[in-house]
């Protein structure tokens, strides 16, 4: 199972909705050096922002995959 598949599973396991239908979401980041995916709460455990696996300090914020592409019409 790839890191991306693990991320998609974590996205599916969301908590109960808050008032007005707002769902709590955990924010995930991926290390550019090794590809390890970490949650925001895992990153907050350290004094410095760094990957727990390789020590890299550059992260990408992961977003949910788009289910259907949007059509953009030009004028």
N, C-alpha and C. Protein backbone atom coordinates (compact mmCIF):
# COMPACT_ATOMS: atom_id res chain seq x y z
N UNK A 1 0.86 -1.18 0.00
CA UNK A 1 0.00 0.00 0.00
C UNK A 1 0.90 1.24 0.00
N UNK A 2 0.61 2.16 -0.87
CA UNK A 2 1.43 3.36 -0.99
C UNK A 2 1.04 4.40 0.06
N UNK A 3 1.88 5.39 0.21
CA UNK A 3 1.62 6.47 1.17
C UNK A 3 0.34 7.21 0.79
N UNK A 4 0.09 7.35 -0.53
CA UNK A 4 -1.10 8.08 -0.98
C UNK A 4 -2.36 7.32 -0.60
N UNK A 5 -2.33 5.97 -0.72
CA UNK A 5 -3.49 5.17 -0.32
C UNK A 5 -3.76 5.30 1.17
N UNK A 6 -2.69 5.35 1.98
CA UNK A 6 -2.85 5.55 3.42
C UNK A 6 -3.48 6.90 3.70
N UNK A 7 -3.07 7.93 2.94
CA UNK A 7 -3.65 9.26 3.11
C UNK A 7 -5.14 9.25 2.80
N UNK A 8 -5.53 8.57 1.73
CA UNK A 8 -6.94 8.52 1.36
C UNK A 8 -7.76 7.79 2.42
N UNK A 9 -7.19 6.75 3.03
CA UNK A 9 -7.89 6.05 4.10
C UNK A 9 -8.06 6.96 5.32
N UNK A 10 -7.04 7.75 5.64
CA UNK A 10 -7.13 8.67 6.77
C UNK A 10 -8.19 9.74 6.51
N UNK A 11 -8.32 10.17 5.25
CA UNK A 11 -9.33 11.16 4.90
C UNK A 11 -10.73 10.60 5.08
N UNK A 12 -10.92 9.30 4.82
CA UNK A 12 -12.24 8.69 4.94
C UNK A 12 -12.65 8.52 6.39
N UNK A 13 -11.69 8.41 7.31
CA UNK A 13 -11.97 8.19 8.72
C UNK A 13 -12.09 9.52 9.46
N UNK A 14 -12.99 10.36 9.04
CA UNK A 14 -13.19 11.66 9.67
C UNK A 14 -14.10 11.52 10.87
N UNK A 15 -14.07 12.52 11.75
CA UNK A 15 -14.90 12.50 12.95
C UNK A 15 -16.34 12.89 12.68
N UNK A 16 -17.11 13.04 13.75
CA UNK A 16 -18.52 13.41 13.66
C UNK A 16 -18.64 14.87 13.21
N UNK A 17 -19.70 15.20 12.46
CA UNK A 17 -19.86 16.59 12.00
C UNK A 17 -20.13 17.55 13.15
N UNK A 18 -19.63 18.75 13.01
CA UNK A 18 -19.89 19.82 13.96
C UNK A 18 -21.21 20.48 13.61
N UNK A 19 -21.68 21.44 14.41
CA UNK A 19 -22.93 22.14 14.06
C UNK A 19 -22.85 22.75 12.66
N UNK A 20 -23.97 22.85 12.01
CA UNK A 20 -24.11 23.42 10.66
C UNK A 20 -23.46 22.54 9.60
N UNK A 21 -23.21 21.27 9.89
CA UNK A 21 -22.67 20.35 8.91
C UNK A 21 -21.19 20.48 8.64
N UNK A 22 -20.46 21.21 9.48
CA UNK A 22 -19.02 21.36 9.28
C UNK A 22 -18.33 20.12 9.85
N UNK A 23 -17.50 19.48 9.03
CA UNK A 23 -16.80 18.28 9.47
C UNK A 23 -15.38 18.63 9.90
N UNK A 24 -14.93 18.13 11.04
CA UNK A 24 -13.54 18.38 11.43
C UNK A 24 -12.59 17.62 10.51
N UNK A 25 -11.53 18.25 10.08
CA UNK A 25 -10.59 17.62 9.16
C UNK A 25 -9.19 17.79 9.69
N UNK A 26 -8.43 16.75 9.61
CA UNK A 26 -7.02 16.80 9.95
C UNK A 26 -6.26 17.23 8.70
N UNK A 27 -5.27 18.07 8.88
CA UNK A 27 -4.47 18.56 7.76
C UNK A 27 -3.23 17.67 7.66
N UNK A 28 -2.91 17.23 6.45
CA UNK A 28 -1.77 16.35 6.24
C UNK A 28 -0.72 17.04 5.38
N UNK A 29 0.55 16.75 5.69
CA UNK A 29 1.68 17.30 4.95
C UNK A 29 2.57 16.15 4.49
N UNK A 30 3.21 16.31 3.31
CA UNK A 30 4.11 15.30 2.78
C UNK A 30 5.50 15.89 2.67
N UNK A 31 6.48 15.16 3.18
CA UNK A 31 7.88 15.57 3.09
C UNK A 31 8.33 15.46 1.64
N UNK A 32 8.96 16.50 1.11
CA UNK A 32 9.44 16.47 -0.27
C UNK A 32 10.67 15.60 -0.44
N UNK A 33 11.39 15.39 0.64
CA UNK A 33 12.63 14.62 0.56
C UNK A 33 12.38 13.12 0.47
N UNK A 34 11.50 12.59 1.36
CA UNK A 34 11.29 11.13 1.41
C UNK A 34 9.86 10.71 1.09
N UNK A 35 8.90 11.64 1.04
CA UNK A 35 7.52 11.31 0.72
C UNK A 35 6.68 10.85 1.90
N UNK A 36 7.22 10.95 3.11
CA UNK A 36 6.49 10.54 4.32
C UNK A 36 5.35 11.52 4.59
N UNK A 37 4.16 10.98 4.90
CA UNK A 37 2.98 11.81 5.15
C UNK A 37 2.78 11.92 6.66
N UNK A 38 2.65 13.16 7.13
CA UNK A 38 2.46 13.44 8.56
C UNK A 38 1.27 14.35 8.74
N UNK A 39 0.59 14.20 9.87
CA UNK A 39 -0.52 15.10 10.18
C UNK A 39 0.00 16.34 10.88
N UNK A 40 -0.82 17.35 10.94
CA UNK A 40 -0.44 18.61 11.59
C UNK A 40 -0.13 18.37 13.07
N UNK A 41 -0.90 17.49 13.71
CA UNK A 41 -0.67 17.22 15.13
C UNK A 41 0.67 16.53 15.35
N UNK A 42 1.11 15.69 14.40
CA UNK A 42 2.42 15.05 14.52
C UNK A 42 3.54 16.08 14.37
N UNK A 43 3.35 17.04 13.45
CA UNK A 43 4.37 18.07 13.25
C UNK A 43 4.47 18.99 14.46
N UNK A 44 3.36 19.21 15.16
CA UNK A 44 3.36 20.10 16.32
C UNK A 44 4.08 19.50 17.52
N UNK A 45 4.37 18.21 17.50
CA UNK A 45 5.05 17.57 18.62
C UNK A 45 6.50 17.99 18.72
N UNK A 46 7.10 18.43 17.62
CA UNK A 46 8.51 18.80 17.59
C UNK A 46 8.66 20.31 17.78
N UNK A 47 9.82 20.72 18.28
CA UNK A 47 10.11 22.15 18.44
C UNK A 47 10.29 22.81 17.07
N UNK A 48 10.91 22.10 16.15
CA UNK A 48 11.14 22.60 14.80
C UNK A 48 10.29 21.78 13.83
N UNK A 49 9.94 22.38 12.72
CA UNK A 49 9.20 21.64 11.70
C UNK A 49 10.20 20.82 10.91
N UNK A 50 10.12 19.48 11.10
CA UNK A 50 11.01 18.59 10.37
C UNK A 50 10.39 17.20 10.29
N UNK A 51 10.78 16.46 9.28
CA UNK A 51 10.27 15.11 9.05
C UNK A 51 10.85 14.18 10.11
N UNK A 52 9.99 13.32 10.67
CA UNK A 52 10.45 12.39 11.69
C UNK A 52 11.27 11.24 11.09
N UNK A 53 11.12 11.03 9.78
CA UNK A 53 11.82 9.93 9.13
C UNK A 53 13.21 10.33 8.62
N UNK A 54 13.29 11.45 7.89
CA UNK A 54 14.56 11.80 7.25
C UNK A 54 15.16 13.12 7.74
N UNK A 55 14.38 13.92 8.46
CA UNK A 55 14.89 15.21 8.94
C UNK A 55 14.69 16.34 7.94
N UNK A 56 13.99 16.09 6.84
CA UNK A 56 13.74 17.13 5.84
C UNK A 56 12.84 18.22 6.41
N UNK A 57 12.95 19.41 5.85
CA UNK A 57 12.20 20.55 6.38
C UNK A 57 11.28 21.20 5.36
N UNK A 58 11.11 20.60 4.20
CA UNK A 58 10.23 21.16 3.18
C UNK A 58 9.04 20.21 3.02
N UNK A 59 7.83 20.76 3.21
CA UNK A 59 6.62 19.96 3.17
C UNK A 59 5.63 20.52 2.16
N UNK A 60 4.80 19.63 1.61
CA UNK A 60 3.68 20.01 0.77
C UNK A 60 2.40 19.75 1.54
N UNK A 61 1.46 20.66 1.47
CA UNK A 61 0.17 20.43 2.09
C UNK A 61 -0.67 19.61 1.12
N UNK A 62 -1.14 18.44 1.59
CA UNK A 62 -1.91 17.56 0.73
C UNK A 62 -3.36 17.99 0.70
N UNK A 63 -3.96 17.83 -0.44
CA UNK A 63 -5.37 18.15 -0.63
C UNK A 63 -6.09 16.89 -1.07
N UNK A 64 -7.38 16.87 -0.85
CA UNK A 64 -8.18 15.73 -1.28
C UNK A 64 -8.20 15.68 -2.80
N UNK A 65 -8.22 14.48 -3.36
CA UNK A 65 -8.28 14.40 -4.82
C UNK A 65 -9.62 14.90 -5.33
N UNK A 66 -9.61 15.51 -6.49
CA UNK A 66 -10.82 16.04 -7.10
C UNK A 66 -11.60 14.88 -7.69
N UNK A 67 -12.88 14.77 -7.36
CA UNK A 67 -13.68 13.65 -7.83
C UNK A 67 -14.06 13.80 -9.29
N UNK A 68 -14.39 15.00 -9.71
CA UNK A 68 -14.70 15.22 -11.12
C UNK A 68 -14.06 16.53 -11.54
N UNK A 69 -13.50 16.56 -12.73
CA UNK A 69 -12.86 17.80 -13.18
C UNK A 69 -13.89 18.89 -13.44
N UNK A 70 -13.50 20.11 -13.19
CA UNK A 70 -14.38 21.26 -13.45
C UNK A 70 -14.20 21.71 -14.89
N UNK A 71 -15.28 22.18 -15.47
CA UNK A 71 -15.21 22.75 -16.81
C UNK A 71 -15.17 24.27 -16.69
N UNK A 72 -14.21 24.86 -17.35
CA UNK A 72 -14.07 26.31 -17.35
C UNK A 72 -14.30 26.79 -18.77
N UNK A 73 -15.26 27.67 -18.92
CA UNK A 73 -15.59 28.18 -20.24
C UNK A 73 -14.97 29.57 -20.42
N UNK A 74 -14.34 29.75 -21.54
CA UNK A 74 -13.76 31.05 -21.86
C UNK A 74 -14.83 31.94 -22.49
N UNK A 75 -14.63 33.24 -22.37
CA UNK A 75 -15.59 34.20 -22.93
C UNK A 75 -15.31 34.38 -24.40
